[in-house]
Amino acid sequence: MKYFTGFVLPVPADRRQAYLEHARTASTVFREHGVLFAVECWGDEVPPGELTDFYRAVDARSGEAIVFGWMSWASEQACARGMAAAMADPRLAAESNPMPFDGKRMIYGGFVPIVNTP
């Protein structure tokens, strides 16, 4: 059964190009380690909520945009193997591909699909 990982993070709006370069490298690495497809989206219409919203979920600050992304894996086991390999890949090391955002405020998780409409 397919498995998905997803994330939301705040990125300084003036670092959009740096984020894009970081994301392209990461996407290549994850594909090589088993991701079937990956999508990353720059917030366009992300309204503030009354009780909660994307901004509060990641403690976004003034001048930061919301990025929302997900990856599809063949299975939970493929995800576990692929994530471990990707995290060990030197192309994702902070020295060679620094994160242009505060990784401490990123939220992420793994998900089992319950509805899958083509």
PDB file of N, CA and C in Angstrom:
ATOM      1  N   MET A   1       0.842  -1.176   0.000  1.00  0.00           N
ATOM      2  CA  MET A   1       0.000   0.000   0.000  1.00  0.00           C
ATOM      3  C   MET A   1       0.890   1.242   0.000  1.00  0.00           C
ATOM      4  N   LYS A   2       0.526   2.232  -0.780  1.00  0.00           N
ATOM      5  CA  LYS A   2       1.297   3.473  -0.839  1.00  0.00           C
ATOM      6  C   LYS A   2       1.314   4.163   0.515  1.00  0.00           C
ATOM      7  N   TYR A   3       2.316   5.009   0.671  1.00  0.00           N
ATOM      8  CA  TYR A   3       2.522   5.753   1.910  1.00  0.00           C
ATOM      9  C   TYR A   3       2.908   7.173   1.530  1.00  0.00           C
ATOM     10  N   PHE A   4       2.511   8.134   2.341  1.00  0.00           N
ATOM     11  CA  PHE A   4       2.791   9.534   2.046  1.00  0.00           C
ATOM     12  C   PHE A   4       3.461  10.201   3.232  1.00  0.00           C
ATOM     13  N   THR A   5       4.381  11.088   2.946  1.00  0.00           N
ATOM     14  CA  THR A   5       4.925  11.965   3.963  1.00  0.00           C
ATOM     15  C   THR A   5       4.568  13.383   3.554  1.00  0.00           C
ATOM     16  N   GLY A   6       4.292  14.210   4.536  1.00  0.00           N
ATOM     17  CA  GLY A   6       3.910  15.578   4.248  1.00  0.00           C
ATOM     18  C   GLY A   6       4.550  16.539   5.220  1.00  0.00           C
ATOM     19  N   PHE A   7       4.613  17.797   4.813  1.00  0.00           N
ATOM     20  CA  PHE A   7       5.217  18.802   5.686  1.00  0.00           C
ATOM     21  C   PHE A   7       4.658  20.187   5.384  1.00  0.00           C
ATOM     22  N   VAL A   8       4.785  21.041   6.382  1.00  0.00           N
ATOM     23  CA  VAL A   8       4.459  22.457   6.271  1.00  0.00           C
ATOM     24  C   VAL A   8       5.596  23.199   6.956  1.00  0.00           C
ATOM     25  N   LEU A   9       6.057  24.288   6.326  1.00  0.00           N
ATOM     26  CA  LEU A   9       7.140  25.057   6.937  1.00  0.00           C
ATOM     27  C   LEU A   9       7.071  26.509   6.509  1.00  0.00           C
ATOM     28  N   PRO A  10       7.628  27.395   7.363  1.00  0.00           N
ATOM     29  CA  PRO A  10       7.690  28.810   6.999  1.00  0.00           C
ATOM     30  C   PRO A  10       9.031  29.109   6.339  1.00  0.00           C
ATOM     31  N   VAL A  11       8.990  29.899   5.278  1.00  0.00           N
ATOM     32  CA  VAL A  11      10.213  30.289   4.570  1.00  0.00           C
ATOM     33  C   VAL A  11      10.202  31.808   4.403  1.00  0.00           C
ATOM     34  N   PRO A  12      11.293  32.474   4.761  1.00  0.00           N
ATOM     35  CA  PRO A  12      11.337  33.916   4.506  1.00  0.00           C
ATOM     36  C   PRO A  12      11.051  34.187   3.026  1.00  0.00           C
ATOM     37  N   ALA A  13      10.103  35.062   2.770  1.00  0.00           N
ATOM     38  CA  ALA A  13       9.679  35.317   1.386  1.00  0.00           C
ATOM     39  C   ALA A  13      10.849  35.765   0.515  1.00  0.00           C
ATOM     40  N   ASP A  14      11.789  36.461   1.088  1.00  0.00           N
ATOM     41  CA  ASP A  14      12.927  36.919   0.294  1.00  0.00           C
ATOM     42  C   ASP A  14      13.959  35.814   0.052  1.00  0.00           C
ATOM     43  N   ARG A  15      13.699  34.609   0.565  1.00  0.00           N
ATOM     44  CA  ARG A  15      14.590  33.459   0.342  1.00  0.00           C
ATOM     45  C   ARG A  15      13.958  32.444  -0.607  1.00  0.00           C
ATOM     46  N   ARG A  16      12.945  32.873  -1.341  1.00  0.00           N
ATOM     47  CA  ARG A  16      12.218  31.953  -2.233  1.00  0.00           C
ATOM     48  C   ARG A  16      13.159  31.262  -3.223  1.00  0.00           C
ATOM     49  N   GLN A  17      14.038  31.985  -3.867  1.00  0.00           N
ATOM     50  CA  GLN A  17      14.943  31.375  -4.849  1.00  0.00           C
ATOM     51  C   GLN A  17      15.890  30.385  -4.168  1.00  0.00           C
ATOM     52  N   ALA A  18      16.418  30.739  -3.011  1.00  0.00           N
ATOM     53  CA  ALA A  18      17.301  29.829  -2.274  1.00  0.00           C
ATOM     54  C   ALA A  18      16.530  28.570  -1.882  1.00  0.00           C
ATOM     55  N   TYR A  19      15.259  28.747  -1.475  1.00  0.00           N
ATOM     56  CA  TYR A  19      14.446  27.580  -1.127  1.00  0.00           C
ATOM     57  C   TYR A  19      14.228  26.692  -2.354  1.00  0.00           C
ATOM     58  N   LEU A  20      13.931  27.307  -3.477  1.00  0.00           N
ATOM     59  CA  LEU A  20      13.701  26.546  -4.707  1.00  0.00           C
ATOM     60  C   LEU A  20      14.929  25.700  -5.059  1.00  0.00           C
ATOM     61  N   GLU A  21      16.105  26.279  -4.957  1.00  0.00           N
ATOM     62  CA  GLU A  21      17.332  25.528  -5.239  1.00  0.00           C
ATOM     63  C   GLU A  21      17.515  24.377  -4.249  1.00  0.00           C
ATOM     64  N   HIS A  22      17.258  24.649  -2.977  1.00  0.00           N
ATOM     65  CA  HIS A  22      17.340  23.606  -1.943  1.00  0.00           C
ATOM     66  C   HIS A  22      16.341  22.488  -2.239  1.00  0.00           C
ATOM     67  N   ALA A  23      15.122  22.863  -2.575  1.00  0.00           N
ATOM     68  CA  ALA A  23      14.060  21.884  -2.834  1.00  0.00           C
ATOM     69  C   ALA A  23      14.361  21.034  -4.068  1.00  0.00           C
ATOM     70  N   ARG A  24      14.918  21.627  -5.090  1.00  0.00           N
ATOM     71  CA  ARG A  24      15.262  20.850  -6.289  1.00  0.00           C
ATOM     72  C   ARG A  24      16.315  19.791  -5.984  1.00  0.00           C
ATOM     73  N   THR A  25      17.319  20.165  -5.208  1.00  0.00           N
ATOM     74  CA  THR A  25      18.338  19.187  -4.814  1.00  0.00           C
ATOM     75  C   THR A  25      17.709  18.090  -3.974  1.00  0.00           C
ATOM     76  N   ALA A  26      16.918  18.472  -2.988  1.00  0.00           N
ATOM     77  CA  ALA A  26      16.272  17.483  -2.121  1.00  0.00           C
ATOM     78  C   ALA A  26      15.368  16.556  -2.924  1.00  0.00           C
ATOM     79  N   SER A  27      14.635  17.098  -3.870  1.00  0.00           N
ATOM     80  CA  SER A  27      13.743  16.284  -4.693  1.00  0.00           C
ATOM     81  C   SER A  27      14.526  15.229  -5.468  1.00  0.00           C
ATOM     82  N   THR A  28      15.652  15.619  -6.032  1.00  0.00           N
ATOM     83  CA  THR A  28      16.502  14.666  -6.761  1.00  0.00           C
ATOM     84  C   THR A  28      16.971  13.557  -5.837  1.00  0.00           C
ATOM     85  N   VAL A  29      17.434  13.935  -4.651  1.00  0.00           N
ATOM     86  CA  VAL A  29      17.932  12.945  -3.684  1.00  0.00           C
ATOM     87  C   VAL A  29      16.810  11.987  -3.286  1.00  0.00           C
ATOM     88  N   PHE A  30      15.659  12.517  -2.941  1.00  0.00           N
ATOM     89  CA  PHE A  30      14.553  11.657  -2.518  1.00  0.00           C
ATOM     90  C   PHE A  30      14.091  10.735  -3.641  1.00  0.00           C
ATOM     91  N   ARG A  31      14.062  11.237  -4.867  1.00  0.00           N
ATOM     92  CA  ARG A  31      13.685  10.369  -6.004  1.00  0.00           C
ATOM     93  C   ARG A  31      14.669   9.203  -6.129  1.00  0.00           C
ATOM     94  N   GLU A  32      15.943   9.486  -5.985  1.00  0.00           N
ATOM     95  CA  GLU A  32      16.955   8.431  -6.076  1.00  0.00           C
ATOM     96  C   GLU A  32      16.829   7.412  -4.954  1.00  0.00           C
ATOM     97  N   HIS A  33      16.184   7.811  -3.854  1.00  0.00           N
ATOM     98  CA  HIS A  33      16.041   6.914  -2.711  1.00  0.00           C
ATOM     99  C   HIS A  33      14.611   6.403  -2.533  1.00  0.00           C
ATOM    100  N   GLY A  34      13.819   6.456  -3.608  1.00  0.00           N
ATOM    101  CA  GLY A  34      12.544   5.756  -3.580  1.00  0.00           C
ATOM    102  C   GLY A  34      11.270   6.555  -3.675  1.00  0.00           C
ATOM    103  N   VAL A  35      11.317   7.864  -3.627  1.00  0.00           N
ATOM    104  CA  VAL A  35      10.082   8.640  -3.743  1.00  0.00           C
ATOM    105  C   VAL A  35       9.508   8.448  -5.143  1.00  0.00           C
ATOM    106  N   LEU A  36       8.213   8.184  -5.220  1.00  0.00           N
ATOM    107  CA  LEU A  36       7.537   8.017  -6.501  1.00  0.00           C
ATOM    108  C   LEU A  36       7.232   9.374  -7.130  1.00  0.00           C
ATOM    109  N   PHE A  37       6.772  10.309  -6.315  1.00  0.00           N
ATOM    110  CA  PHE A  37       6.620  11.687  -6.765  1.00  0.00           C
ATOM    111  C   PHE A  37       6.661  12.607  -5.552  1.00  0.00           C
ATOM    112  N   ALA A  38       7.061  13.830  -5.798  1.00  0.00           N
ATOM    113  CA  ALA A  38       7.140  14.836  -4.740  1.00  0.00           C
ATOM    114  C   ALA A  38       6.546  16.136  -5.259  1.00  0.00           C
ATOM    115  N   VAL A  39       5.854  16.837  -4.377  1.00  0.00           N
ATOM    116  CA  VAL A  39       5.243  18.112  -4.719  1.00  0.00           C
ATOM    117  C   VAL A  39       5.572  19.089  -3.595  1.00  0.00           C
ATOM    118  N   GLU A  40       6.013  20.280  -3.976  1.00  0.00           N
ATOM    119  CA  GLU A  40       6.204  21.351  -3.002  1.00  0.00           C
ATOM    120  C   GLU A  40       5.482  22.574  -3.541  1.00  0.00           C
ATOM    121  N   CYS A  41       4.737  23.229  -2.668  1.00  0.00           N
ATOM    122  CA  CYS A  41       3.905  24.349  -3.084  1.00  0.00           C
ATOM    123  C   CYS A  41       4.195  25.582  -2.230  1.00  0.00           C
ATOM    124  N   TRP A  42       4.357  26.724  -2.905  1.00  0.00           N
ATOM    125  CA  TRP A  42       4.558  28.006  -2.233  1.00  0.00           C
ATOM    126  C   TRP A  42       3.180  28.600  -1.964  1.00  0.00           C
ATOM    127  N   GLY A  43       2.916  28.996  -0.732  1.00  0.00           N
ATOM    128  CA  GLY A  43       1.599  29.516  -0.363  1.00  0.00           C
ATOM    129  C   GLY A  43       1.149  30.675  -1.236  1.00  0.00           C
ATOM    130  N   ASP A  44      -0.074  30.603  -1.711  1.00  0.00           N
ATOM    131  CA  ASP A  44      -0.652  31.631  -2.557  1.00  0.00           C
ATOM    132  C   ASP A  44      -1.880  32.227  -1.867  1.00  0.00           C
ATOM    133  N   GLU A  45      -2.824  31.378  -1.527  1.00  0.00           N
ATOM    134  CA  GLU A  45      -4.010  31.792  -0.777  1.00  0.00           C
ATOM    135  C   GLU A  45      -4.026  31.000   0.518  1.00  0.00           C
ATOM    136  N   VAL A  46      -3.428  31.555   1.540  1.00  0.00           N
ATOM    137  CA  VAL A  46      -3.329  30.889   2.842  1.00  0.00           C
ATOM    138  C   VAL A  46      -3.934  31.847   3.870  1.00  0.00           C
ATOM    139  N   PRO A  47      -5.244  31.746   4.073  1.00  0.00           N
ATOM    140  CA  PRO A  47      -5.903  32.713   4.941  1.00  0.00           C
ATOM    141  C   PRO A  47      -5.605  32.476   6.426  1.00  0.00           C
ATOM    142  N   PRO A  48      -5.588  33.555   7.188  1.00  0.00           N
ATOM    143  CA  PRO A  48      -5.467  33.386   8.638  1.00  0.00           C
ATOM    144  C   PRO A  48      -6.771  32.812   9.182  1.00  0.00           C
ATOM    145  N   GLY A  49      -6.660  31.960  10.165  1.00  0.00           N
ATOM    146  CA  GLY A  49      -7.849  31.359  10.759  1.00  0.00           C
ATOM    147  C   GLY A  49      -8.229  32.040  12.058  1.00  0.00           C
ATOM    148  N   GLU A  50      -9.397  31.668  12.568  1.00  0.00           N
ATOM    149  CA  GLU A  50      -9.839  32.237  13.842  1.00  0.00           C
ATOM    150  C   GLU A  50      -9.271  31.462  15.024  1.00  0.00           C
ATOM    151  N   LEU A  51      -9.158  30.139  14.886  1.00  0.00           N
ATOM    152  CA  LEU A  51      -8.625  29.325  15.981  1.00  0.00           C
ATOM    153  C   LEU A  51      -7.237  28.790  15.674  1.00  0.00           C
ATOM    154  N   THR A  52      -7.049  28.362  14.444  1.00  0.00           N
ATOM    155  CA  THR A  52      -5.750  27.832  14.037  1.00  0.00           C
ATOM    156  C   THR A  52      -5.594  28.020  12.541  1.00  0.00           C
ATOM    157  N   ASP A  53      -4.380  27.927  12.078  1.00  0.00           N
ATOM    158  CA  ASP A  53      -4.107  28.056  10.655  1.00  0.00           C
ATOM    159  C   ASP A  53      -2.680  27.581  10.400  1.00  0.00           C
ATOM    160  N   PHE A  54      -2.269  27.612   9.139  1.00  0.00           N
ATOM    161  CA  PHE A  54      -0.918  27.180   8.790  1.00  0.00           C
ATOM    162  C   PHE A  54       0.136  28.066   9.453  1.00  0.00           C
ATOM    163  N   TYR A  55      -0.126  29.348   9.539  1.00  0.00           N
ATOM    164  CA  TYR A  55       0.852  30.276  10.113  1.00  0.00           C
ATOM    165  C   TYR A  55       1.137  29.936  11.573  1.00  0.00           C
ATOM    166  N   ARG A  56       0.080  29.720  12.344  1.00  0.00           N
ATOM    167  CA  ARG A  56       0.268  29.388  13.761  1.00  0.00           C
ATOM    168  C   ARG A  56       0.872  28.008  13.938  1.00  0.00           C
ATOM    169  N   ALA A  57       0.541  27.097  13.049  1.00  0.00           N
ATOM    170  CA  ALA A  57       1.063  25.729  13.169  1.00  0.00           C
ATOM    171  C   ALA A  57       2.585  25.698  13.109  1.00  0.00           C
ATOM    172  N   VAL A  58       3.180  26.628  12.349  1.00  0.00           N
ATOM    173  CA  VAL A  58       4.638  26.637  12.189  1.00  0.00           C
ATOM    174  C   VAL A  58       5.259  27.911  12.767  1.00  0.00           C
ATOM    175  N   ASP A  59       4.493  28.642  13.567  1.00  0.00           N
ATOM    176  CA  ASP A  59       4.980  29.867  14.187  1.00  0.00           C
ATOM    177  C   ASP A  59       5.582  30.808  13.159  1.00  0.00           C
ATOM    178  N   ALA A  60       4.873  30.979  12.022  1.00  0.00           N
ATOM    179  CA  ALA A  60       5.353  31.866  10.959  1.00  0.00           C
ATOM    180  C   ALA A  60       5.421  33.297  11.465  1.00  0.00           C
ATOM    181  N   ARG A  61       6.415  33.996  10.984  1.00  0.00           N
ATOM    182  CA  ARG A  61       6.648  35.378  11.386  1.00  0.00           C
ATOM    183  C   ARG A  61       6.415  36.315  10.213  1.00  0.00           C
ATOM    184  N   SER A  62       6.364  37.572  10.499  1.00  0.00           N
ATOM    185  CA  SER A  62       6.159  38.571   9.450  1.00  0.00           C
ATOM    186  C   SER A  62       7.206  38.388   8.356  1.00  0.00           C
ATOM    187  N   GLY A  63       6.747  38.407   7.111  1.00  0.00           N
ATOM    188  CA  GLY A  63       7.659  38.263   5.983  1.00  0.00           C
ATOM    189  C   GLY A  63       7.956  36.830   5.592  1.00  0.00           C
ATOM    190  N   GLU A  64       7.286  35.863   6.230  1.00  0.00           N
ATOM    191  CA  GLU A  64       7.492  34.455   5.886  1.00  0.00           C
ATOM    192  C   GLU A  64       6.296  33.914   5.114  1.00  0.00           C
ATOM    193  N   ALA A  65       6.581  33.080   4.150  1.00  0.00           N
ATOM    194  CA  ALA A  65       5.553  32.401   3.361  1.00  0.00           C
ATOM    195  C   ALA A  65       5.414  30.965   3.860  1.00  0.00           C
ATOM    196  N   ILE A  66       4.302  30.352   3.549  1.00  0.00           N
ATOM    197  CA  ILE A  66       4.054  28.961   3.922  1.00  0.00           C
ATOM    198  C   ILE A  66       4.356  28.067   2.736  1.00  0.00           C
ATOM    199  N   VAL A  67       5.108  26.998   2.993  1.00  0.00           N
ATOM    200  CA  VAL A  67       5.366  25.965   1.989  1.00  0.00           C
ATOM    201  C   VAL A  67       4.689  24.689   2.478  1.00  0.00           C
ATOM    202  N   PHE A  68       3.994  24.038   1.569  1.00  0.00           N
ATOM    203  CA  PHE A  68       3.265  22.801   1.851  1.00  0.00           C
ATOM    204  C   PHE A  68       3.745  21.770   0.838  1.00  0.00           C
ATOM    205  N   GLY A  69       4.112  20.593   1.300  1.00  0.00           N
ATOM    206  CA  GLY A  69       4.594  19.582   0.370  1.00  0.00           C
ATOM    207  C   GLY A  69       4.279  18.176   0.824  1.00  0.00           C
ATOM    208  N   TRP A  70       4.393  17.250  -0.111  1.00  0.00           N
ATOM    209  CA  TRP A  70       4.192  15.847   0.207  1.00  0.00           C
ATOM    210  C   TRP A  70       4.961  14.986  -0.777  1.00  0.00           C
ATOM    211  N   MET A  71       5.223  13.755  -0.338  1.00  0.00           N
ATOM    212  CA  MET A  71       5.919  12.777  -1.174  1.00  0.00           C
ATOM    213  C   MET A  71       5.162  11.460  -1.104  1.00  0.00           C
ATOM    214  N   SER A  72       5.141  10.767  -2.203  1.00  0.00           N
ATOM    215  CA  SER A  72       4.500   9.458  -2.286  1.00  0.00           C
ATOM    216  C   SER A  72       5.579   8.385  -2.329  1.00  0.00           C
ATOM    217  N   TRP A  73       5.375   7.334  -1.549  1.00  0.00           N
ATOM    218  CA  TRP A  73       6.294   6.200  -1.474  1.00  0.00           C
ATOM    219  C   TRP A  73       5.520   4.928  -1.812  1.00  0.00           C
ATOM    220  N   ALA A  74       6.205   3.894  -2.238  1.00  0.00           N
ATOM    221  CA  ALA A  74       5.560   2.621  -2.575  1.00  0.00           C
ATOM    222  C   ALA A  74       4.925   1.978  -1.344  1.00  0.00           C
ATOM    223  N   SER A  75       5.546   2.177  -0.169  1.00  0.00           N
ATOM    224  CA  SER A  75       5.048   1.564   1.066  1.00  0.00           C
ATOM    225  C   SER A  75       5.699   2.272   2.258  1.00  0.00           C
ATOM    226  N   GLU A  76       5.207   1.972   3.444  1.00  0.00           N
ATOM    227  CA  GLU A  76       5.805   2.533   4.652  1.00  0.00           C
ATOM    228  C   GLU A  76       7.249   2.046   4.814  1.00  0.00           C
ATOM    229  N   GLN A  77       7.489   0.800   4.458  1.00  0.00           N
ATOM    230  CA  GLN A  77       8.843   0.253   4.545  1.00  0.00           C
ATOM    231  C   GLN A  77       9.786   0.951   3.560  1.00  0.00           C
ATOM    232  N   ALA A  78       9.303   1.207   2.351  1.00  0.00           N
ATOM    233  CA  ALA A  78      10.108   1.925   1.365  1.00  0.00           C
ATOM    234  C   ALA A  78      10.420   3.326   1.867  1.00  0.00           C
ATOM    235  N   CYS A  79       9.469   3.956   2.535  1.00  0.00           N
ATOM    236  CA  CYS A  79       9.676   5.280   3.102  1.00  0.00           C
ATOM    237  C   CYS A  79      10.760   5.229   4.177  1.00  0.00           C
ATOM    238  N   ALA A  80      10.675   4.271   5.074  1.00  0.00           N
ATOM    239  CA  ALA A  80      11.669   4.165   6.153  1.00  0.00           C
ATOM    240  C   ALA A  80      13.076   3.996   5.587  1.00  0.00           C
ATOM    241  N   ARG A  81      13.208   3.108   4.605  1.00  0.00           N
ATOM    242  CA  ARG A  81      14.525   2.891   3.986  1.00  0.00           C
ATOM    243  C   ARG A  81      14.984   4.134   3.236  1.00  0.00           C
ATOM    244  N   GLY A  82      14.090   4.701   2.435  1.00  0.00           N
ATOM    245  CA  GLY A  82      14.431   5.863   1.625  1.00  0.00           C
ATOM    246  C   GLY A  82      14.758   7.094   2.445  1.00  0.00           C
ATOM    247  N   MET A  83      14.003   7.333   3.506  1.00  0.00           N
ATOM    248  CA  MET A  83      14.270   8.481   4.366  1.00  0.00           C
ATOM    249  C   MET A  83      15.638   8.347   5.027  1.00  0.00           C
ATOM    250  N   ALA A  84      15.932   7.161   5.529  1.00  0.00           N
ATOM    251  CA  ALA A  84      17.237   6.942   6.164  1.00  0.00           C
ATOM    252  C   ALA A  84      18.363   7.186   5.163  1.00  0.00           C
ATOM    253  N   ALA A  85      18.204   6.675   3.956  1.00  0.00           N
ATOM    254  CA  ALA A  85      19.235   6.860   2.930  1.00  0.00           C
ATOM    255  C   ALA A  85      19.350   8.324   2.517  1.00  0.00           C
ATOM    256  N   ALA A  86      18.228   9.001   2.365  1.00  0.00           N
ATOM    257  CA  ALA A  86      18.252  10.407   1.965  1.00  0.00           C
ATOM    258  C   ALA A  86      18.897  11.268   3.049  1.00  0.00           C
ATOM    259  N   MET A  87      18.574  11.018   4.298  1.00  0.00           N
ATOM    260  CA  MET A  87      19.147  11.809   5.385  1.00  0.00           C
ATOM    261  C   MET A  87      20.656  11.590   5.519  1.00  0.00           C
ATOM    262  N   ALA A  88      21.136  10.432   5.075  1.00  0.00           N
ATOM    263  CA  ALA A  88      22.568  10.140   5.108  1.00  0.00           C
ATOM    264  C   ALA A  88      23.286  10.621   3.847  1.00  0.00           C
ATOM    265  N   ASP A  89      22.531  11.046   2.845  1.00  0.00           N
ATOM    266  CA  ASP A  89      23.113  11.467   1.576  1.00  0.00           C
ATOM    267  C   ASP A  89      23.845  12.797   1.768  1.00  0.00           C
ATOM    268  N   PRO A  90      25.102  12.888   1.374  1.00  0.00           N
ATOM    269  CA  PRO A  90      25.870  14.126   1.584  1.00  0.00           C
ATOM    270  C   PRO A  90      25.302  15.345   0.858  1.00  0.00           C
ATOM    271  N   ARG A  91      24.478  15.137  -0.168  1.00  0.00           N
ATOM    272  CA  ARG A  91      23.879  16.278  -0.865  1.00  0.00           C
ATOM    273  C   ARG A  91      22.860  17.017  -0.012  1.00  0.00           C
ATOM    274  N   LEU A  92      22.388  16.366   1.070  1.00  0.00           N
ATOM    275  CA  LEU A  92      21.446  17.025   1.970  1.00  0.00           C
ATOM    276  C   LEU A  92      22.109  17.497   3.251  1.00  0.00           C
ATOM    277  N   ALA A  93      23.409  17.352   3.357  1.00  0.00           N
ATOM    278  CA  ALA A  93      24.133  17.815   4.544  1.00  0.00           C
ATOM    279  C   ALA A  93      24.054  19.338   4.628  1.00  0.00           C
ATOM    280  N   ALA A  94      23.969  19.840   5.836  1.00  0.00           N
ATOM    281  CA  ALA A  94      23.853  21.286   6.048  1.00  0.00           C
ATOM    282  C   ALA A  94      25.009  22.054   5.404  1.00  0.00           C
ATOM    283  N   GLU A  95      26.172  21.444   5.353  1.00  0.00           N
ATOM    284  CA  GLU A  95      27.331  22.130   4.787  1.00  0.00           C
ATOM    285  C   GLU A  95      27.199  22.307   3.274  1.00  0.00           C
ATOM    286  N   SER A  96      26.623  21.330   2.598  1.00  0.00           N
ATOM    287  CA  SER A  96      26.530  21.397   1.138  1.00  0.00           C
ATOM    288  C   SER A  96      25.192  21.935   0.637  1.00  0.00           C
ATOM    289  N   ASN A  97      24.145  21.851   1.453  1.00  0.00           N
ATOM    290  CA  ASN A  97      22.819  22.302   1.034  1.00  0.00           C
ATOM    291  C   ASN A  97      22.089  22.876   2.249  1.00  0.00           C
ATOM    292  N   PRO A  98      22.532  24.051   2.734  1.00  0.00           N
ATOM    293  CA  PRO A  98      21.916  24.620   3.937  1.00  0.00           C
ATOM    294  C   PRO A  98      20.434  24.929   3.733  1.00  0.00           C
ATOM    295  N   MET A  99      19.674  24.690   4.788  1.00  0.00           N
ATOM    296  CA  MET A  99      18.240  24.961   4.721  1.00  0.00           C
ATOM    297  C   MET A  99      18.001  26.470   4.800  1.00  0.00           C
ATOM    298  N   PRO A 100      17.307  27.041   3.828  1.00  0.00           N
ATOM    299  CA  PRO A 100      17.031  28.480   3.854  1.00  0.00           C
ATOM    300  C   PRO A 100      15.769  28.794   4.663  1.00  0.00           C
ATOM    301  N   PHE A 101      15.556  28.050   5.743  1.00  0.00           N
ATOM    302  CA  PHE A 101      14.406  28.229   6.618  1.00  0.00           C
ATOM    303  C   PHE A 101      14.771  27.657   7.978  1.00  0.00           C
ATOM    304  N   ASP A 102      13.948  27.920   8.963  1.00  0.00           N
ATOM    305  CA  ASP A 102      14.166  27.414  10.317  1.00  0.00           C
ATOM    306  C   ASP A 102      13.531  26.030  10.433  1.00  0.00           C
ATOM    307  N   GLY A 103      14.353  24.995  10.339  1.00  0.00           N
ATOM    308  CA  GLY A 103      13.858  23.620  10.371  1.00  0.00           C
ATOM    309  C   GLY A 103      13.169  23.240  11.668  1.00  0.00           C
ATOM    310  N   LYS A 104      13.413  23.969  12.741  1.00  0.00           N
ATOM    311  CA  LYS A 104      12.762  23.673  14.023  1.00  0.00           C
ATOM    312  C   LYS A 104      11.273  23.962  13.982  1.00  0.00           C
ATOM    313  N   ARG A 105      10.851  24.807  13.035  1.00  0.00           N
ATOM    314  CA  ARG A 105       9.434  25.155  12.938  1.00  0.00           C
ATOM    315  C   ARG A 105       8.702  24.392  11.845  1.00  0.00           C
ATOM    316  N   MET A 106       9.374  23.446  11.216  1.00  0.00           N
ATOM    317  CA  MET A 106       8.735  22.607  10.206  1.00  0.00           C
ATOM    318  C   MET A 106       7.919  21.524  10.919  1.00  0.00           C
ATOM    319  N   ILE A 107       6.723  21.259  10.412  1.00  0.00           N
ATOM    320  CA  ILE A 107       5.956  20.120  10.913  1.00  0.00           C
ATOM    321  C   ILE A 107       5.879  19.092   9.794  1.00  0.00           C
ATOM    322  N   TYR A 108       5.924  17.822  10.154  1.00  0.00           N
ATOM    323  CA  TYR A 108       5.918  16.766   9.146  1.00  0.00           C
ATOM    324  C   TYR A 108       5.371  15.491   9.752  1.00  0.00           C
ATOM    325  N   GLY A 109       5.047  14.549   8.898  1.00  0.00           N
ATOM    326  CA  GLY A 109       4.560  13.265   9.367  1.00  0.00           C
ATOM    327  C   GLY A 109       4.365  12.302   8.222  1.00  0.00           C
ATOM    328  N   GLY A 110       4.097  11.054   8.574  1.00  0.00           N
ATOM    329  CA  GLY A 110       3.815  10.004   7.610  1.00  0.00           C
ATOM    330  C   GLY A 110       2.343   9.640   7.674  1.00  0.00           C
ATOM    331  N   PHE A 111       1.776   9.300   6.511  1.00  0.00           N
ATOM    332  CA  PHE A 111       0.335   9.097   6.426  1.00  0.00           C
ATOM    333  C   PHE A 111      -0.024   7.893   5.567  1.00  0.00           C
ATOM    334  N   VAL A 112      -1.011   7.147   6.029  1.00  0.00           N
ATOM    335  CA  VAL A 112      -1.590   6.024   5.287  1.00  0.00           C
ATOM    336  C   VAL A 112      -2.845   6.552   4.585  1.00  0.00           C
ATOM    337  N   PRO A 113      -2.955   6.370   3.268  1.00  0.00           N
ATOM    338  CA  PRO A 113      -4.131   6.900   2.568  1.00  0.00           C
ATOM    339  C   PRO A 113      -5.408   6.170   2.994  1.00  0.00           C
ATOM    340  N   ILE A 114      -6.485   6.945   3.145  1.00  0.00           N
ATOM    341  CA  ILE A 114      -7.784   6.335   3.458  1.00  0.00           C
ATOM    342  C   ILE A 114      -8.796   6.606   2.337  1.00  0.00           C
ATOM    343  N   VAL A 115      -8.531   7.604   1.499  1.00  0.00           N
ATOM    344  CA  VAL A 115      -9.326   7.877   0.304  1.00  0.00           C
ATOM    345  C   VAL A 115      -8.324   8.136  -0.809  1.00  0.00           C
ATOM    346  N   ASN A 116      -8.535   7.501  -1.944  1.00  0.00           N
ATOM    347  CA  ASN A 116      -7.611   7.666  -3.067  1.00  0.00           C
ATOM    348  C   ASN A 116      -8.430   7.742  -4.339  1.00  0.00           C
ATOM    349  N   THR A 117      -8.727   8.957  -4.762  1.00  0.00           N
ATOM    350  CA  THR A 117      -9.545   9.172  -5.946  1.00  0.00           C
ATOM    351  C   THR A 117      -8.658   9.617  -7.095  1.00  0.00           C
ATOM    352  N   PRO A 118      -8.635   8.871  -8.197  1.00  0.00           N
ATOM    353  CA  PRO A 118      -7.792   9.268  -9.330  1.00  0.00           C
ATOM    354  C   PRO A 118      -8.281  10.545  -9.981  1.00  0.00           C
TER     355      PRO A 118
END
